[in-house]
Structure formats: C-alpha cells, structure tokens
PDB file of N, CA and C in Angstrom:
ATOM      1  N   MET A   1     -14.829 -18.258  -6.353  1.00  0.00           N
ATOM      2  CA  MET A   1     -13.933 -17.881  -5.267  1.00  0.00           C
ATOM      3  C   MET A   1     -14.707 -16.984  -4.294  1.00  0.00           C
ATOM      4  N   ARG A   2     -14.586 -17.276  -3.028  1.00  0.00           N
ATOM      5  CA  ARG A   2     -15.267 -16.495  -2.013  1.00  0.00           C
ATOM      6  C   ARG A   2     -14.560 -15.156  -1.795  1.00  0.00           C
ATOM      7  N   VAL A   3     -15.304 -14.174  -1.310  1.00  0.00           N
ATOM      8  CA  VAL A   3     -14.751 -12.842  -1.056  1.00  0.00           C
ATOM      9  C   VAL A   3     -13.615 -12.927  -0.041  1.00  0.00           C
ATOM     10  N   ILE A   4     -13.763 -13.756   0.962  1.00  0.00           N
ATOM     11  CA  ILE A   4     -12.729 -13.862   1.988  1.00  0.00           C
ATOM     12  C   ILE A   4     -11.422 -14.411   1.410  1.00  0.00           C
ATOM     13  N   ASP A   5     -11.528 -15.360   0.472  1.00  0.00           N
ATOM     14  CA  ASP A   5     -10.316 -15.893  -0.166  1.00  0.00           C
ATOM     15  C   ASP A   5      -9.640 -14.824  -1.024  1.00  0.00           C
ATOM     16  N   LEU A   6     -10.443 -14.077  -1.778  1.00  0.00           N
ATOM     17  CA  LEU A   6      -9.909 -12.992  -2.595  1.00  0.00           C
ATOM     18  C   LEU A   6      -9.236 -11.943  -1.711  1.00  0.00           C
ATOM     19  N   HIS A   7      -9.869 -11.624  -0.593  1.00  0.00           N
ATOM     20  CA  HIS A   7      -9.330 -10.639   0.353  1.00  0.00           C
ATOM     21  C   HIS A   7      -7.970 -11.094   0.890  1.00  0.00           C
ATOM     22  N   ARG A   8      -7.837 -12.357   1.194  1.00  0.00           N
ATOM     23  CA  ARG A   8      -6.557 -12.893   1.705  1.00  0.00           C
ATOM     24  C   ARG A   8      -5.471 -12.870   0.641  1.00  0.00           C
ATOM     25  N   ILE A   9      -5.814 -13.294  -0.575  1.00  0.00           N
ATOM     26  CA  ILE A   9      -4.825 -13.310  -1.665  1.00  0.00           C
ATOM     27  C   ILE A   9      -4.373 -11.886  -1.977  1.00  0.00           C
ATOM     28  N   GLN A  10      -5.339 -10.960  -2.050  1.00  0.00           N
ATOM     29  CA  GLN A  10      -5.000  -9.560  -2.300  1.00  0.00           C
ATOM     30  C   GLN A  10      -4.114  -9.018  -1.178  1.00  0.00           C
ATOM     31  N   GLY A  11      -4.405  -9.392   0.046  1.00  0.00           N
ATOM     32  CA  GLY A  11      -3.618  -8.909   1.190  1.00  0.00           C
ATOM     33  C   GLY A  11      -2.163  -9.305   1.077  1.00  0.00           C
ATOM     34  N   ILE A  12      -1.919 -10.539   0.731  1.00  0.00           N
ATOM     35  CA  ILE A  12      -0.537 -11.017   0.571  1.00  0.00           C
ATOM     36  C   ILE A  12       0.146 -10.280  -0.580  1.00  0.00           C
ATOM     37  N   ALA A  13      -0.569 -10.113  -1.690  1.00  0.00           N
ATOM     38  CA  ALA A  13      -0.005  -9.412  -2.851  1.00  0.00           C
ATOM     39  C   ALA A  13       0.292  -7.953  -2.534  1.00  0.00           C
ATOM     40  N   ILE A  14      -0.564  -7.325  -1.747  1.00  0.00           N
ATOM     41  CA  ILE A  14      -0.362  -5.924  -1.380  1.00  0.00           C
ATOM     42  C   ILE A  14       0.899  -5.760  -0.540  1.00  0.00           C
ATOM     43  N   VAL A  15       1.061  -6.581   0.463  1.00  0.00           N
ATOM     44  CA  VAL A  15       2.250  -6.491   1.314  1.00  0.00           C
ATOM     45  C   VAL A  15       3.513  -6.697   0.481  1.00  0.00           C
ATOM     46  N   ALA A  16       3.499  -7.717  -0.355  1.00  0.00           N
ATOM     47  CA  ALA A  16       4.668  -7.989  -1.211  1.00  0.00           C
ATOM     48  C   ALA A  16       4.922  -6.843  -2.179  1.00  0.00           C
ATOM     49  N   GLY A  17       3.872  -6.289  -2.743  1.00  0.00           N
ATOM     50  CA  GLY A  17       4.012  -5.194  -3.699  1.00  0.00           C
ATOM     51  C   GLY A  17       4.608  -3.941  -3.092  1.00  0.00           C
ATOM     52  N   TRP A  18       4.177  -3.577  -1.885  1.00  0.00           N
ATOM     53  CA  TRP A  18       4.734  -2.384  -1.241  1.00  0.00           C
ATOM     54  C   TRP A  18       6.180  -2.608  -0.849  1.00  0.00           C
ATOM     55  N   GLY A  19       6.511  -3.834  -0.452  1.00  0.00           N
ATOM     56  CA  GLY A  19       7.919  -4.147  -0.175  1.00  0.00           C
ATOM     57  C   GLY A  19       8.770  -4.027  -1.429  1.00  0.00           C
ATOM     58  N   LEU A  20       8.240  -4.508  -2.548  1.00  0.00           N
ATOM     59  CA  LEU A  20       8.945  -4.410  -3.820  1.00  0.00           C
ATOM     60  C   LEU A  20       9.127  -2.951  -4.240  1.00  0.00           C
ATOM     61  N   LEU A  21       8.095  -2.134  -4.057  1.00  0.00           N
ATOM     62  CA  LEU A  21       8.197  -0.715  -4.420  1.00  0.00           C
ATOM     63  C   LEU A  21       9.265  -0.022  -3.584  1.00  0.00           C
ATOM     64  N   PHE A  22       9.336  -0.345  -2.297  1.00  0.00           N
ATOM     65  CA  PHE A  22      10.384   0.245  -1.458  1.00  0.00           C
ATOM     66  C   PHE A  22      11.766  -0.149  -1.962  1.00  0.00           C
ATOM     67  N   LEU A  23      11.966  -1.427  -2.241  1.00  0.00           N
ATOM     68  CA  LEU A  23      13.275  -1.873  -2.725  1.00  0.00           C
ATOM     69  C   LEU A  23      13.613  -1.247  -4.074  1.00  0.00           C
ATOM     70  N   PHE A  24      12.619  -1.091  -4.928  1.00  0.00           N
ATOM     71  CA  PHE A  24      12.806  -0.456  -6.224  1.00  0.00           C
ATOM     72  C   PHE A  24      13.266   0.999  -6.025  1.00  0.00           C
ATOM     73  N   GLY A  25      12.559   1.730  -5.176  1.00  0.00           N
ATOM     74  CA  GLY A  25      12.922   3.122  -4.901  1.00  0.00           C
ATOM     75  C   GLY A  25      14.282   3.247  -4.254  1.00  0.00           C
ATOM     76  N   LEU A  26      14.598   2.336  -3.355  1.00  0.00           N
ATOM     77  CA  LEU A  26      15.911   2.337  -2.712  1.00  0.00           C
ATOM     78  C   LEU A  26      17.005   2.120  -3.749  1.00  0.00           C
ATOM     79  N   GLY A  27      16.773   1.205  -4.676  1.00  0.00           N
ATOM     80  CA  GLY A  27      17.725   0.982  -5.761  1.00  0.00           C
ATOM     81  C   GLY A  27      17.907   2.222  -6.621  1.00  0.00           C
ATOM     82  N   LEU A  28      16.821   2.957  -6.847  1.00  0.00           N
ATOM     83  CA  LEU A  28      16.919   4.201  -7.611  1.00  0.00           C
ATOM     84  C   LEU A  28      17.765   5.234  -6.868  1.00  0.00           C
ATOM     85  N   PHE A  29      17.611   5.317  -5.549  1.00  0.00           N
ATOM     86  CA  PHE A  29      18.427   6.244  -4.757  1.00  0.00           C
ATOM     87  C   PHE A  29      19.902   5.869  -4.817  1.00  0.00           C
ATOM     88  N   ILE A  30      20.172   4.593  -4.653  1.00  0.00           N
ATOM     89  CA  ILE A  30      21.559   4.128  -4.648  1.00  0.00           C
ATOM     90  C   ILE A  30      22.234   4.406  -5.983  1.00  0.00           C
ATOM     91  N   THR A  31      21.509   4.180  -7.067  1.00  0.00           N
ATOM     92  CA  THR A  31      22.083   4.397  -8.406  1.00  0.00           C
ATOM     93  C   THR A  31      21.904   5.834  -8.891  1.00  0.00           C
ATOM     94  N   LYS A  32      21.288   6.678  -8.054  1.00  0.00           N
ATOM     95  CA  LYS A  32      21.057   8.097  -8.366  1.00  0.00           C
ATOM     96  C   LYS A  32      20.294   8.287  -9.673  1.00  0.00           C
ATOM     97  N   ARG A  33      19.221   7.506  -9.816  1.00  0.00           N
ATOM     98  CA  ARG A  33      18.379   7.590 -11.014  1.00  0.00           C
ATOM     99  C   ARG A  33      16.997   8.078 -10.621  1.00  0.00           C
ATOM    100  N   ASP A  34      16.332   8.705 -11.555  1.00  0.00           N
ATOM    101  CA  ASP A  34      14.951   9.125 -11.341  1.00  0.00           C
ATOM    102  C   ASP A  34      14.005   7.966 -11.626  1.00  0.00           C
ATOM    103  N   ALA A  35      12.863   8.011 -11.002  1.00  0.00           N
ATOM    104  CA  ALA A  35      11.858   6.979 -11.234  1.00  0.00           C
ATOM    105  C   ALA A  35      11.273   7.129 -12.630  1.00  0.00           C
ATOM    106  N   GLY A  36      11.048   6.002 -13.268  1.00  0.00           N
ATOM    107  CA  GLY A  36      10.460   5.993 -14.604  1.00  0.00           C
ATOM    108  C   GLY A  36       9.046   5.451 -14.579  1.00  0.00           C
ATOM    109  N   ARG A  37       8.571   5.099 -15.758  1.00  0.00           N
ATOM    110  CA  ARG A  37       7.198   4.615 -15.904  1.00  0.00           C
ATOM    111  C   ARG A  37       6.931   3.349 -15.094  1.00  0.00           C
ATOM    112  N   LEU A  38       7.912   2.476 -14.980  1.00  0.00           N
ATOM    113  CA  LEU A  38       7.710   1.230 -14.244  1.00  0.00           C
ATOM    114  C   LEU A  38       7.441   1.506 -12.762  1.00  0.00           C
ATOM    115  N   TYR A  39       8.234   2.390 -12.168  1.00  0.00           N
ATOM    116  CA  TYR A  39       8.054   2.744 -10.751  1.00  0.00           C
ATOM    117  C   TYR A  39       6.670   3.360 -10.538  1.00  0.00           C
ATOM    118  N   TRP A  40       6.350   4.384 -11.343  1.00  0.00           N
ATOM    119  CA  TRP A  40       5.078   5.077 -11.161  1.00  0.00           C
ATOM    120  C   TRP A  40       3.902   4.166 -11.495  1.00  0.00           C
ATOM    121  N   GLY A  41       4.065   3.297 -12.474  1.00  0.00           N
ATOM    122  CA  GLY A  41       3.008   2.347 -12.809  1.00  0.00           C
ATOM    123  C   GLY A  41       2.739   1.378 -11.673  1.00  0.00           C
ATOM    124  N   LEU A  42       3.817   0.895 -11.049  1.00  0.00           N
ATOM    125  CA  LEU A  42       3.663  -0.005  -9.900  1.00  0.00           C
ATOM    126  C   LEU A  42       2.965   0.713  -8.751  1.00  0.00           C
ATOM    127  N   LEU A  43       3.310   1.972  -8.531  1.00  0.00           N
ATOM    128  CA  LEU A  43       2.660   2.754  -7.482  1.00  0.00           C
ATOM    129  C   LEU A  43       1.158   2.879  -7.749  1.00  0.00           C
ATOM    130  N   VAL A  44       0.797   3.183  -8.974  1.00  0.00           N
ATOM    131  CA  VAL A  44      -0.625   3.321  -9.332  1.00  0.00           C
ATOM    132  C   VAL A  44      -1.363   1.998  -9.112  1.00  0.00           C
ATOM    133  N   VAL A  45      -0.775   0.910  -9.584  1.00  0.00           N
ATOM    134  CA  VAL A  45      -1.409  -0.404  -9.418  1.00  0.00           C
ATOM    135  C   VAL A  45      -1.588  -0.731  -7.941  1.00  0.00           C
ATOM    136  N   LEU A  46      -0.570  -0.480  -7.136  1.00  0.00           N
ATOM    137  CA  LEU A  46      -0.666  -0.779  -5.704  1.00  0.00           C
ATOM    138  C   LEU A  46      -1.739   0.064  -5.018  1.00  0.00           C
ATOM    139  N   GLN A  47      -1.853   1.312  -5.398  1.00  0.00           N
ATOM    140  CA  GLN A  47      -2.895   2.160  -4.817  1.00  0.00           C
ATOM    141  C   GLN A  47      -4.285   1.668  -5.216  1.00  0.00           C
ATOM    142  N   LEU A  48      -4.438   1.261  -6.466  1.00  0.00           N
ATOM    143  CA  LEU A  48      -5.725   0.734  -6.926  1.00  0.00           C
ATOM    144  C   LEU A  48      -6.074  -0.570  -6.217  1.00  0.00           C
ATOM    145  N   VAL A  49      -5.108  -1.456  -6.085  1.00  0.00           N
ATOM    146  CA  VAL A  49      -5.359  -2.739  -5.416  1.00  0.00           C
ATOM    147  C   VAL A  49      -5.676  -2.517  -3.939  1.00  0.00           C
ATOM    148  N   LEU A  50      -5.032  -1.527  -3.324  1.00  0.00           N
ATOM    149  CA  LEU A  50      -5.350  -1.202  -1.934  1.00  0.00           C
ATOM    150  C   LEU A  50      -6.799  -0.734  -1.821  1.00  0.00           C
ATOM    151  N   GLY A  51      -7.250   0.057  -2.786  1.00  0.00           N
ATOM    152  CA  GLY A  51      -8.655   0.486  -2.811  1.00  0.00           C
ATOM    153  C   GLY A  51      -9.606  -0.674  -3.027  1.00  0.00           C
ATOM    154  N   LEU A  52      -9.251  -1.589  -3.940  1.00  0.00           N
ATOM    155  CA  LEU A  52     -10.075  -2.781  -4.162  1.00  0.00           C
ATOM    156  C   LEU A  52     -10.117  -3.653  -2.918  1.00  0.00           C
ATOM    157  N   GLN A  53      -9.004  -3.699  -2.204  1.00  0.00           N
ATOM    158  CA  GLN A  53      -8.952  -4.478  -0.967  1.00  0.00           C
ATOM    159  C   GLN A  53      -9.911  -3.888   0.066  1.00  0.00           C
ATOM    160  N   LEU A  54      -9.973  -2.577   0.123  1.00  0.00           N
ATOM    161  CA  LEU A  54     -10.908  -1.920   1.034  1.00  0.00           C
ATOM    162  C   LEU A  54     -12.350  -2.279   0.662  1.00  0.00           C
ATOM    163  N   ILE A  55     -12.663  -2.266  -0.626  1.00  0.00           N
ATOM    164  CA  ILE A  55     -14.005  -2.629  -1.085  1.00  0.00           C
ATOM    165  C   ILE A  55     -14.325  -4.081  -0.742  1.00  0.00           C
ATOM    166  N   ALA A  56     -13.370  -4.976  -0.948  1.00  0.00           N
ATOM    167  CA  ALA A  56     -13.577  -6.390  -0.595  1.00  0.00           C
ATOM    168  C   ALA A  56     -13.811  -6.537   0.905  1.00  0.00           C
ATOM    169  N   GLY A  57     -13.088  -5.756   1.704  1.00  0.00           N
ATOM    170  CA  GLY A  57     -13.289  -5.792   3.151  1.00  0.00           C
ATOM    171  C   GLY A  57     -14.664  -5.286   3.548  1.00  0.00           C
ATOM    172  N   LEU A  58     -15.129  -4.239   2.873  1.00  0.00           N
ATOM    173  CA  LEU A  58     -16.468  -3.715   3.160  1.00  0.00           C
ATOM    174  C   LEU A  58     -17.556  -4.716   2.775  1.00  0.00           C
ATOM    175  N   ILE A  59     -17.352  -5.416   1.667  1.00  0.00           N
ATOM    176  CA  ILE A  59     -18.303  -6.463   1.264  1.00  0.00           C
ATOM    177  C   ILE A  59     -18.326  -7.571   2.310  1.00  0.00           C
ATOM    178  N   GLN A  60     -17.145  -7.949   2.746  1.00  0.00           N
ATOM    179  CA  GLN A  60     -17.045  -8.992   3.772  1.00  0.00           C
ATOM    180  C   GLN A  60     -17.757  -8.551   5.051  1.00  0.00           C
ATOM    181  N   LEU A  61     -17.591  -7.281   5.419  1.00  0.00           N
ATOM    182  CA  LEU A  61     -18.253  -6.735   6.602  1.00  0.00           C
ATOM    183  C   LEU A  61     -19.774  -6.764   6.422  1.00  0.00           C
ATOM    184  N   ALA A  62     -20.243  -6.404   5.227  1.00  0.00           N
ATOM    185  CA  ALA A  62     -21.680  -6.408   4.948  1.00  0.00           C
ATOM    186  C   ALA A  62     -22.267  -7.819   4.989  1.00  0.00           C
ATOM    187  N   LEU A  63     -21.433  -8.821   4.693  1.00  0.00           N
ATOM    188  CA  LEU A  63     -21.891 -10.205   4.724  1.00  0.00           C
ATOM    189  C   LEU A  63     -21.799 -10.827   6.116  1.00  0.00           C
ATOM    190  N   GLY A  64     -21.437 -10.023   7.107  1.00  0.00           N
ATOM    191  CA  GLY A  64     -21.438 -10.516   8.473  1.00  0.00           C
ATOM    192  C   GLY A  64     -20.069 -10.737   9.082  1.00  0.00           C
ATOM    193  N   GLY A  65     -19.010 -10.374   8.391  1.00  0.00           N
ATOM    194  CA  GLY A  65     -17.662 -10.512   8.948  1.00  0.00           C
ATOM    195  C   GLY A  65     -17.451  -9.537  10.104  1.00  0.00           C
ATOM    196  N   GLN A  66     -16.623  -9.920  11.034  1.00  0.00           N
ATOM    197  CA  GLN A  66     -16.341  -9.090  12.206  1.00  0.00           C
ATOM    198  C   GLN A  66     -14.835  -8.906  12.391  1.00  0.00           C
ATOM    199  N   PRO A  67     -14.182  -8.123  11.539  1.00  0.00           N
ATOM    200  CA  PRO A  67     -12.733  -7.950  11.690  1.00  0.00           C
ATOM    201  C   PRO A  67     -12.401  -7.107  12.922  1.00  0.00           C
ATOM    202  N   GLU A  68     -11.195  -7.295  13.420  1.00  0.00           N
ATOM    203  CA  GLU A  68     -10.728  -6.477  14.530  1.00  0.00           C
ATOM    204  C   GLU A  68     -10.566  -5.030  14.060  1.00  0.00           C
ATOM    205  N   THR A  69     -10.732  -4.099  14.977  1.00  0.00           N
ATOM    206  CA  THR A  69     -10.573  -2.685  14.646  1.00  0.00           C
ATOM    207  C   THR A  69      -9.168  -2.403  14.139  1.00  0.00           C
ATOM    208  N   LEU A  70      -8.169  -3.030  14.744  1.00  0.00           N
ATOM    209  CA  LEU A  70      -6.796  -2.812  14.301  1.00  0.00           C
ATOM    210  C   LEU A  70      -6.579  -3.251  12.862  1.00  0.00           C
ATOM    211  N   HIS A  71      -7.317  -4.240  12.408  1.00  0.00           N
ATOM    212  CA  HIS A  71      -7.207  -4.701  11.023  1.00  0.00           C
ATOM    213  C   HIS A  71      -7.580  -3.561  10.070  1.00  0.00           C
ATOM    214  N   TRP A  72      -8.639  -2.841  10.379  1.00  0.00           N
ATOM    215  CA  TRP A  72      -9.061  -1.703   9.561  1.00  0.00           C
ATOM    216  C   TRP A  72      -8.059  -0.552   9.647  1.00  0.00           C
ATOM    217  N   VAL A  73      -7.584  -0.296  10.859  1.00  0.00           N
ATOM    218  CA  VAL A  73      -6.636   0.815  11.045  1.00  0.00           C
ATOM    219  C   VAL A  73      -5.350   0.554  10.277  1.00  0.00           C
ATOM    220  N   TYR A  74      -4.774  -0.639  10.442  1.00  0.00           N
ATOM    221  CA  TYR A  74      -3.513  -0.970   9.766  1.00  0.00           C
ATOM    222  C   TYR A  74      -3.685  -1.224   8.269  1.00  0.00           C
ATOM    223  N   GLY A  75      -4.830  -1.714   7.860  1.00  0.00           N
ATOM    224  CA  GLY A  75      -5.014  -2.103   6.474  1.00  0.00           C
ATOM    225  C   GLY A  75      -5.563  -1.023   5.562  1.00  0.00           C
ATOM    226  N   ALA A  76      -6.262  -0.031   6.133  1.00  0.00           N
ATOM    227  CA  ALA A  76      -6.882   0.975   5.265  1.00  0.00           C
ATOM    228  C   ALA A  76      -6.664   2.408   5.748  1.00  0.00           C
ATOM    229  N   VAL A  77      -6.951   2.673   7.007  1.00  0.00           N
ATOM    230  CA  VAL A  77      -6.925   4.052   7.506  1.00  0.00           C
ATOM    231  C   VAL A  77      -5.519   4.646   7.454  1.00  0.00           C
ATOM    232  N   LEU A  78      -4.561   4.008   8.095  1.00  0.00           N
ATOM    233  CA  LEU A  78      -3.197   4.548   8.121  1.00  0.00           C
ATOM    234  C   LEU A  78      -2.515   4.522   6.751  1.00  0.00           C
ATOM    235  N   PRO A  79      -2.593   3.416   5.983  1.00  0.00           N
ATOM    236  CA  PRO A  79      -1.988   3.460   4.644  1.00  0.00           C
ATOM    237  C   PRO A  79      -2.600   4.552   3.760  1.00  0.00           C
ATOM    238  N   GLY A  80      -3.909   4.721   3.841  1.00  0.00           N
ATOM    239  CA  GLY A  80      -4.556   5.775   3.059  1.00  0.00           C
ATOM    240  C   GLY A  80      -4.073   7.154   3.468  1.00  0.00           C
ATOM    241  N   GLY A  81      -3.937   7.373   4.773  1.00  0.00           N
ATOM    242  CA  GLY A  81      -3.431   8.650   5.269  1.00  0.00           C
ATOM    243  C   GLY A  81      -2.002   8.919   4.822  1.00  0.00           C
ATOM    244  N   VAL A  82      -1.167   7.890   4.896  1.00  0.00           N
ATOM    245  CA  VAL A  82       0.235   8.026   4.463  1.00  0.00           C
ATOM    246  C   VAL A  82       0.291   8.408   2.988  1.00  0.00           C
ATOM    247  N   LEU A  83      -0.513   7.776   2.172  1.00  0.00           N
ATOM    248  CA  LEU A  83      -0.492   8.055   0.732  1.00  0.00           C
ATOM    249  C   LEU A  83      -1.022   9.450   0.409  1.00  0.00           C
ATOM    250  N   VAL A  84      -2.033   9.897   1.124  1.00  0.00           N
ATOM    251  CA  VAL A  84      -2.538  11.259   0.913  1.00  0.00           C
ATOM    252  C   VAL A  84      -1.449  12.274   1.254  1.00  0.00           C
ATOM    253  N   VAL A  85      -0.770  12.080   2.374  1.00  0.00           N
ATOM    254  CA  VAL A  85       0.316  12.987   2.767  1.00  0.00           C
ATOM    255  C   VAL A  85       1.416  12.991   1.706  1.00  0.00           C
ATOM    256  N   CYS A  86       1.750  11.840   1.162  1.00  0.00           N
ATOM    257  CA  CYS A  86       2.779  11.750   0.114  1.00  0.00           C
ATOM    258  C   CYS A  86       2.386  12.531  -1.129  1.00  0.00           C
ATOM    259  N   HIS A  87       1.138  12.414  -1.523  1.00  0.00           N
ATOM    260  CA  HIS A  87       0.686  13.159  -2.695  1.00  0.00           C
ATOM    261  C   HIS A  87       0.792  14.666  -2.455  1.00  0.00           C
ATOM    262  N   VAL A  88       0.431  15.111  -1.267  1.00  0.00           N
ATOM    263  CA  VAL A  88       0.511  16.534  -0.937  1.00  0.00           C
ATOM    264  C   VAL A  88       1.966  17.002  -0.910  1.00  0.00           C
ATOM    265  N   LEU A  89       2.834  16.241  -0.253  1.00  0.00           N
ATOM    266  CA  LEU A  89       4.247  16.638  -0.152  1.00  0.00           C
ATOM    267  C   LEU A  89       4.953  16.606  -1.507  1.00  0.00           C
ATOM    268  N   THR A  90       4.608  15.644  -2.340  1.00  0.00           N
ATOM    269  CA  THR A  90       5.265  15.524  -3.647  1.00  0.00           C
ATOM    270  C   THR A  90       4.909  16.696  -4.548  1.00  0.00           C
ATOM    271  N   ARG A  91       3.725  17.235  -4.406  1.00  0.00           N
ATOM    272  CA  ARG A  91       3.343  18.409  -5.205  1.00  0.00           C
ATOM    273  C   ARG A  91       4.273  19.589  -4.939  1.00  0.00           C
ATOM    274  N   GLY A  92       4.839  19.663  -3.757  1.00  0.00           N
ATOM    275  CA  GLY A  92       5.704  20.776  -3.392  1.00  0.00           C
ATOM    276  C   GLY A  92       7.144  20.625  -3.853  1.00  0.00           C
ATOM    277  N   LEU A  93       7.506  19.468  -4.385  1.00  0.00           N
ATOM    278  CA  LEU A  93       8.885  19.269  -4.841  1.00  0.00           C
ATOM    279  C   LEU A  93       9.118  20.020  -6.146  1.00  0.00           C
ATOM    280  N   ILE A  94      10.249  20.712  -6.212  1.00  0.00           N
ATOM    281  CA  ILE A  94      10.556  21.471  -7.426  1.00  0.00           C
ATOM    282  C   ILE A  94      11.668  20.823  -8.251  1.00  0.00           C
ATOM    283  N   ARG A  95      12.321  19.816  -7.678  1.00  0.00           N
ATOM    284  CA  ARG A  95      13.345  19.095  -8.436  1.00  0.00           C
ATOM    285  C   ARG A  95      13.407  17.655  -7.948  1.00  0.00           C
ATOM    286  N   PRO A  96      13.965  16.773  -8.767  1.00  0.00           N
ATOM    287  CA  PRO A  96      14.036  15.350  -8.399  1.00  0.00           C
ATOM    288  C   PRO A  96      14.871  15.149  -7.142  1.00  0.00           C
ATOM    289  N   PRO A  97      14.701  14.059  -6.457  1.00  0.00           N
ATOM    290  CA  PRO A  97      13.916  12.862  -6.811  1.00  0.00           C
ATOM    291  C   PRO A  97      12.454  12.994  -6.386  1.00  0.00           C
ATOM    292  N   TYR A  98      11.569  12.901  -7.342  1.00  0.00           N
ATOM    293  CA  TYR A  98      10.138  13.034  -7.083  1.00  0.00           C
ATOM    294  C   TYR A  98       9.571  11.814  -6.355  1.00  0.00           C
ATOM    295  N   HIS A  99      10.276  10.709  -6.420  1.00  0.00           N
ATOM    296  CA  HIS A  99       9.786   9.490  -5.773  1.00  0.00           C
ATOM    297  C   HIS A  99      10.237   9.386  -4.308  1.00  0.00           C
ATOM    298  N   LEU A 100      10.894  10.402  -3.802  1.00  0.00           N
ATOM    299  CA  LEU A 100      11.445  10.389  -2.443  1.00  0.00           C
ATOM    300  C   LEU A 100      10.404   9.995  -1.395  1.00  0.00           C
ATOM    301  N   PHE A 101       9.305  10.726  -1.335  1.00  0.00           N
ATOM    302  CA  PHE A 101       8.300  10.472  -0.310  1.00  0.00           C
ATOM    303  C   PHE A 101       7.598   9.130  -0.508  1.00  0.00           C
ATOM    304  N   PHE A 102       7.354   8.773  -1.767  1.00  0.00           N
ATOM    305  CA  PHE A 102       6.651   7.516  -2.024  1.00  0.00           C
ATOM    306  C   PHE A 102       7.507   6.293  -1.695  1.00  0.00           C
ATOM    307  N   THR A 103       8.807   6.412  -1.835  1.00  0.00           N
ATOM    308  CA  THR A 103       9.673   5.288  -1.480  1.00  0.00           C
ATOM    309  C   THR A 103       9.631   5.039   0.020  1.00  0.00           C
ATOM    310  N   TRP A 104       9.729   6.099   0.804  1.00  0.00           N
ATOM    311  CA  TRP A 104       9.657   5.926   2.262  1.00  0.00           C
ATOM    312  C   TRP A 104       8.249   5.530   2.695  1.00  0.00           C
ATOM    313  N   ALA A 105       7.244   6.062   1.997  1.00  0.00           N
ATOM    314  CA  ALA A 105       5.868   5.675   2.303  1.00  0.00           C
ATOM    315  C   ALA A 105       5.649   4.199   2.006  1.00  0.00           C
ATOM    316  N   ALA A 106       6.308   3.694   0.960  1.00  0.00           N
ATOM    317  CA  ALA A 106       6.171   2.270   0.619  1.00  0.00           C
ATOM    318  C   ALA A 106       6.647   1.406   1.778  1.00  0.00           C
ATOM    319  N   LEU A 107       7.724   1.838   2.440  1.00  0.00           N
ATOM    320  CA  LEU A 107       8.207   1.078   3.602  1.00  0.00           C
ATOM    321  C   LEU A 107       7.176   1.119   4.734  1.00  0.00           C
ATOM    322  N   LEU A 108       6.601   2.285   4.978  1.00  0.00           N
ATOM    323  CA  LEU A 108       5.578   2.405   6.029  1.00  0.00           C
ATOM    324  C   LEU A 108       4.339   1.570   5.695  1.00  0.00           C
ATOM    325  N   VAL A 109       3.871   1.674   4.457  1.00  0.00           N
ATOM    326  CA  VAL A 109       2.672   0.932   4.061  1.00  0.00           C
ATOM    327  C   VAL A 109       2.950  -0.571   4.061  1.00  0.00           C
ATOM    328  N   PHE A 110       4.171  -0.962   3.690  1.00  0.00           N
ATOM    329  CA  PHE A 110       4.568  -2.369   3.776  1.00  0.00           C
ATOM    330  C   PHE A 110       4.403  -2.864   5.216  1.00  0.00           C
ATOM    331  N   GLY A 111       4.908  -2.114   6.172  1.00  0.00           N
ATOM    332  CA  GLY A 111       4.796  -2.507   7.580  1.00  0.00           C
ATOM    333  C   GLY A 111       3.360  -2.493   8.075  1.00  0.00           C
ATOM    334  N   LEU A 112       2.620  -1.452   7.709  1.00  0.00           N
ATOM    335  CA  LEU A 112       1.238  -1.345   8.164  1.00  0.00           C
ATOM    336  C   LEU A 112       0.353  -2.452   7.591  1.00  0.00           C
ATOM    337  N   THR A 113       0.479  -2.695   6.292  1.00  0.00           N
ATOM    338  CA  THR A 113      -0.350  -3.744   5.688  1.00  0.00           C
ATOM    339  C   THR A 113       0.103  -5.127   6.130  1.00  0.00           C
ATOM    340  N   GLY A 114       1.385  -5.264   6.427  1.00  0.00           N
ATOM    341  CA  GLY A 114       1.861  -6.524   6.985  1.00  0.00           C
ATOM    342  C   GLY A 114       1.241  -6.794   8.343  1.00  0.00           C
ATOM    343  N   ARG A 115       1.127  -5.737   9.142  1.00  0.00           N
ATOM    344  CA  ARG A 115       0.503  -5.875  10.455  1.00  0.00           C
ATOM    345  C   ARG A 115      -0.996  -6.160  10.292  1.00  0.00           C
ATOM    346  N   ALA A 116      -1.644  -5.543   9.301  1.00  0.00           N
ATOM    347  CA  ALA A 116      -3.058  -5.825   9.043  1.00  0.00           C
ATOM    348  C   ALA A 116      -3.245  -7.279   8.644  1.00  0.00           C
ATOM    349  N   LEU A 117      -2.304  -7.780   7.864  1.00  0.00           N
ATOM    350  CA  LEU A 117      -2.335  -9.202   7.458  1.00  0.00           C
ATOM    351  C   LEU A 117      -2.237 -10.108   8.684  1.00  0.00           C
ATOM    352  N   MET A 118      -1.361  -9.735   9.602  1.00  0.00           N
ATOM    353  CA  MET A 118      -1.204 -10.540  10.831  1.00  0.00           C
ATOM    354  C   MET A 118      -2.476 -10.532  11.673  1.00  0.00           C
ATOM    355  N   THR A 119      -3.126  -9.367  11.794  1.00  0.00           N
ATOM    356  CA  THR A 119      -4.360  -9.315  12.597  1.00  0.00           C
ATOM    357  C   THR A 119      -5.484 -10.066  11.885  1.00  0.00           C
ATOM    358  N   GLY A 120      -5.474 -10.033  10.536  1.00  0.00           N
ATOM    359  CA  GLY A 120      -6.507 -10.728   9.779  1.00  0.00           C
ATOM    360  C   GLY A 120      -6.372 -12.240   9.840  1.00  0.00           C
ATOM    361  N   PHE A 121      -5.143 -12.720   9.835  1.00  0.00           N
ATOM    362  CA  PHE A 121      -4.915 -14.171   9.888  1.00  0.00           C
ATOM    363  C   PHE A 121      -4.939 -14.718  11.314  1.00  0.00           C
ATOM    364  N   GLY A 122      -4.927 -13.806  12.276  1.00  0.00           N
ATOM    365  CA  GLY A 122      -5.041 -14.236  13.680  1.00  0.00           C
ATOM    366  C   GLY A 122      -3.794 -14.552  14.364  1.00  0.00           C
TER     367      GLY A 122
END
C-alpha cells in the first residue's frame, strides 16, 4: 500500500472518529453521565492516529508531495492546537464533567479535519 493511500484512508477514519467522539460526548451530556474508559480510550486512539497521520503527511512531503498550505493548517496545526488547549483547560476542572472540553473540541476537530480532507481530495 502506498503512503498516499494510507494517508487518505486514515484521513477518512479520523474525520469519522472525531464525529463519533462528539456524538458520544453529547450523549453523555444528555444522559448526565460521566465519561468512562470507552470515551477516554477513543480519545487516546484518535489523538494517536492524528499524530500518525501527520507522520504519513511528512513522509509524503519528503517523497515530493506538494500539499496546499491549508491542508496542513486544517489537518495538523489547528487540531493540534485545539487539543493542547483542551488538555490545559481540563487540568483546571475540579469536578465533572471532565470530558466537557474534549467533547466540544471533537466537534471542532471534526470540522477542521473534514476541511483538510476536502483540500486534500481537491
């Protein structure tokens, strides 16, 4: 499998995953439940896959790919910034819901990575 194919498949999975995390968190708010291992596990996996996607993009760039600047901004820079801010803000929470910031961040990252997908596919 070529790096570009892996990058595309990962991109689709990332967008879908962040959308799923948002819906999961929204369901937790509606039912007034705290996030459990499944929610936090999905968050960890999505963050790791986003990092792997960045590495795949860098490999593609090293092999001569020429992505648009907006693809990098929407796909890595802004989602990474949003997640860093969430980690900082969540540390300051003294009572539940601890997943508050990450649920809203999931919606933002869903939109940002979706836009990166659009710029990548042309």
